[in-house]
Amino acid sequence: MTFSISLTVNGEQRHVELDDPRVTLLDLLRERLDLTGTKKGCDRGQCGACTILVDGRRINSCLALAVSHDGASIETIEGIAQGENLHPMQAAFIAHDGFQCGFCTPGQIMSAIGLLREGQAGDDPERIREGMSGNLCRCSAYAGITEAVLEAHHVLAEGDRRKSA
């Protein structure tokens, strides 16, 4: 039996035929749509390397069945920059050395963007660390990650103030 699903991935409508209903969003993104920025770490929902945004919310894509998200809007690391301009979170991760080996970085960045959109962090480093606790970094770049999220929060908040003025 074949399953046909439609997704909006990074703003682009995608139609996919699946032969197996057990295909995860992670495998669909990496193997079928060639969006390899989303990483397969533990494949058990414990490390956060596969974090993406689905309908604006953070999820571990390794635990999400693709057929369950028919019609969803998905954002991955490949879709957050505006042309040559990095997303403020990407720029902040670079400025604050929020990564070392870089394997967890796409999931960290997507989780941080989701965290800020959810309004869960603000200026509180402890709330940022707690909100990001589902994303593990084997290199222990946590101080830089927290600083990056704080900076991106300020940059994004300033941009929102300018738009509303």
Protein backbone atom coordinates (compact mmCIF):
# COMPACT_ATOMS: atom_id res chain seq x y z
CA MET A 1 0.00 0.00 0.00
CA THR A 2 1.27 3.47 -0.91
CA PHE A 3 0.64 6.56 1.18
CA SER A 4 0.61 9.99 -0.44
CA ILE A 5 1.36 13.00 1.74
CA SER A 6 1.79 16.72 1.13
CA LEU A 7 4.07 18.88 3.22
CA THR A 8 5.26 22.45 3.07
CA VAL A 9 9.00 22.19 3.70
CA ASN A 10 10.88 25.46 4.13
CA GLY A 11 8.10 27.24 2.26
CA GLU A 12 7.99 24.81 -0.67
CA GLN A 13 5.06 22.48 -1.27
CA ARG A 14 6.26 18.87 -1.49
CA HIS A 15 4.26 15.76 -2.44
CA VAL A 16 5.74 12.43 -1.40
CA GLU A 17 4.71 8.82 -1.96
CA LEU A 18 5.61 6.48 0.89
CA ASP A 19 5.67 2.71 0.58
CA ASP A 20 5.96 2.24 4.33
CA PRO A 21 3.84 4.05 6.96
CA ARG A 22 6.72 3.75 9.45
CA VAL A 23 8.95 6.30 7.68
CA THR A 24 9.91 9.03 10.11
CA LEU A 25 10.08 12.71 9.25
CA LEU A 26 13.82 12.50 9.86
CA ASP A 27 14.31 9.77 7.27
CA LEU A 28 11.95 11.47 4.83
CA LEU A 29 13.89 14.74 5.08
CA ARG A 30 17.33 13.16 4.82
CA GLU A 31 16.75 10.29 2.40
CA ARG A 32 13.90 11.43 0.19
CA LEU A 33 14.14 15.23 0.19
CA ASP A 34 17.95 15.43 0.49
CA LEU A 35 17.80 17.84 3.44
CA THR A 36 20.70 16.40 5.39
CA GLY A 37 21.17 19.29 7.83
CA THR A 38 18.81 17.55 10.24
CA LYS A 39 20.99 14.95 11.95
CA LYS A 40 20.30 11.41 13.08
CA GLY A 41 21.94 11.15 16.47
CA CYS A 42 20.41 8.64 18.83
CA ASP A 43 17.30 7.84 16.72
CA ARG A 44 15.39 7.54 20.03
CA GLY A 45 14.36 11.12 20.81
CA GLN A 46 16.98 11.58 23.50
CA CYS A 47 19.64 13.84 21.95
CA GLY A 48 17.74 16.52 19.99
CA ALA A 49 20.06 16.45 16.95
CA CYS A 50 17.00 15.90 14.75
CA THR A 51 14.97 18.85 16.08
CA ILE A 52 12.85 20.61 13.46
CA LEU A 53 9.83 22.89 13.64
CA VAL A 54 6.48 21.45 12.61
CA ASP A 55 3.68 24.00 12.43
CA GLY A 56 5.95 26.25 14.48
CA ARG A 57 6.58 23.79 17.31
CA ARG A 58 9.77 21.92 18.14
CA ILE A 59 9.74 18.17 17.64
CA ASN A 60 12.23 15.33 17.47
CA SER A 61 11.81 14.26 13.87
CA CYS A 62 13.18 10.79 14.60
CA LEU A 63 10.04 10.06 16.64
CA ALA A 64 7.50 11.57 14.22
CA LEU A 65 5.90 9.44 11.54
CA ALA A 66 5.74 11.28 8.24
CA VAL A 67 2.20 10.06 7.47
CA SER A 68 1.00 11.66 10.72
CA HIS A 69 2.07 15.08 9.49
CA ASP A 70 0.27 15.22 6.16
CA GLY A 71 -0.46 18.89 5.45
CA ALA A 72 2.07 20.17 8.00
CA SER A 73 4.45 23.08 7.59
CA ILE A 74 8.03 22.06 8.34
CA GLU A 75 11.08 24.23 8.92
CA THR A 76 14.58 22.79 8.85
CA ILE A 77 18.01 24.33 9.23
CA GLU A 78 18.23 24.66 5.43
CA GLY A 79 15.25 27.02 5.37
CA ILE A 80 15.97 29.65 8.00
CA ALA A 81 18.53 31.88 6.29
CA GLN A 82 17.29 34.57 3.92
CA GLY A 83 19.49 34.05 0.88
CA GLU A 84 23.03 34.97 1.90
CA ASN A 85 21.83 36.50 5.19
CA LEU A 86 22.06 34.16 8.12
CA HIS A 87 19.17 33.88 10.55
CA PRO A 88 20.02 35.87 13.71
CA MET A 89 20.28 32.59 15.63
CA GLN A 90 22.84 31.22 13.16
CA ALA A 91 24.87 34.44 13.39
CA ALA A 92 24.72 34.36 17.19
CA PHE A 93 25.92 30.74 17.32
CA ILE A 94 28.95 31.76 15.23
CA ALA A 95 29.62 34.90 17.29
CA HIS A 96 29.47 33.03 20.61
CA ASP A 97 31.16 29.77 19.62
CA GLY A 98 27.93 27.89 20.24
CA PHE A 99 29.36 24.79 18.62
CA GLN A 100 32.55 22.80 18.37
CA CYS A 101 32.18 19.68 16.24
CA GLY A 102 28.89 21.02 14.84
CA PHE A 103 26.95 17.76 14.76
CA CYS A 104 24.28 18.93 17.20
CA THR A 105 24.21 22.51 15.89
CA PRO A 106 21.28 22.26 13.44
CA GLY A 107 19.07 20.75 16.14
CA GLN A 108 20.31 23.25 18.72
CA ILE A 109 19.55 26.19 16.40
CA MET A 110 16.08 24.91 15.47
CA SER A 111 15.28 24.23 19.12
CA ALA A 112 16.49 27.71 20.11
CA ILE A 113 14.35 29.35 17.43
CA GLY A 114 11.34 27.36 18.64
CA LEU A 115 12.09 28.24 22.25
CA LEU A 116 12.12 31.96 21.46
CA ARG A 117 8.97 31.74 19.35
CA GLU A 118 7.23 29.96 22.22
CA GLY A 119 8.16 32.88 24.50
CA GLN A 120 9.69 30.44 26.97
CA ALA A 121 13.10 32.03 27.50
CA GLY A 122 13.26 35.79 27.61
CA ASP A 123 16.47 37.12 29.20
CA ASP A 124 16.81 34.35 31.77
CA PRO A 125 19.85 32.11 31.13
CA GLU A 126 18.47 29.45 33.49
CA ARG A 127 15.19 29.27 31.56
CA ILE A 128 17.15 29.03 28.32
CA ARG A 129 19.23 26.15 29.67
CA GLU A 130 16.08 24.41 30.90
CA GLY A 131 14.25 25.02 27.62
CA MET A 132 17.19 23.66 25.64
CA SER A 133 17.77 20.67 27.93
CA GLY A 134 16.41 18.24 25.32
CA ASN A 135 19.32 19.08 23.02
CA LEU A 136 22.60 17.47 24.00
CA CYS A 137 26.07 18.66 23.01
CA ARG A 138 28.83 16.09 23.42
CA CYS A 139 31.43 18.85 23.13
CA SER A 140 29.83 20.78 26.02
CA ALA A 141 29.43 24.10 24.22
CA TYR A 142 26.52 24.97 26.51
CA ALA A 143 27.86 28.35 27.68
CA GLY A 144 28.20 29.54 24.07
CA ILE A 145 24.79 28.14 23.18
CA THR A 146 23.14 30.02 26.06
CA GLU A 147 24.94 33.25 25.10
CA ALA A 148 23.88 32.78 21.47
CA VAL A 149 20.22 32.32 22.40
CA LEU A 150 20.36 35.43 24.60
CA GLU A 151 21.89 37.50 21.79
CA ALA A 152 19.43 36.22 19.18
CA HIS A 153 16.57 37.00 21.57
CA HIS A 154 17.73 40.62 21.77
CA VAL A 155 18.29 40.92 18.00
CA LEU A 156 14.90 39.40 17.16
CA ALA A 157 13.10 41.47 19.81
CA GLU A 158 14.68 44.66 18.41
CA GLY A 159 13.60 43.68 14.90
CA ASP A 160 10.05 43.15 16.14
CA ARG A 161 10.08 46.57 17.85
CA ARG A 162 11.22 48.23 14.63
CA LYS A 163 8.50 46.49 12.59
CA SER A 164 5.77 47.59 14.99
CA ALA A 165 7.03 51.20 15.19
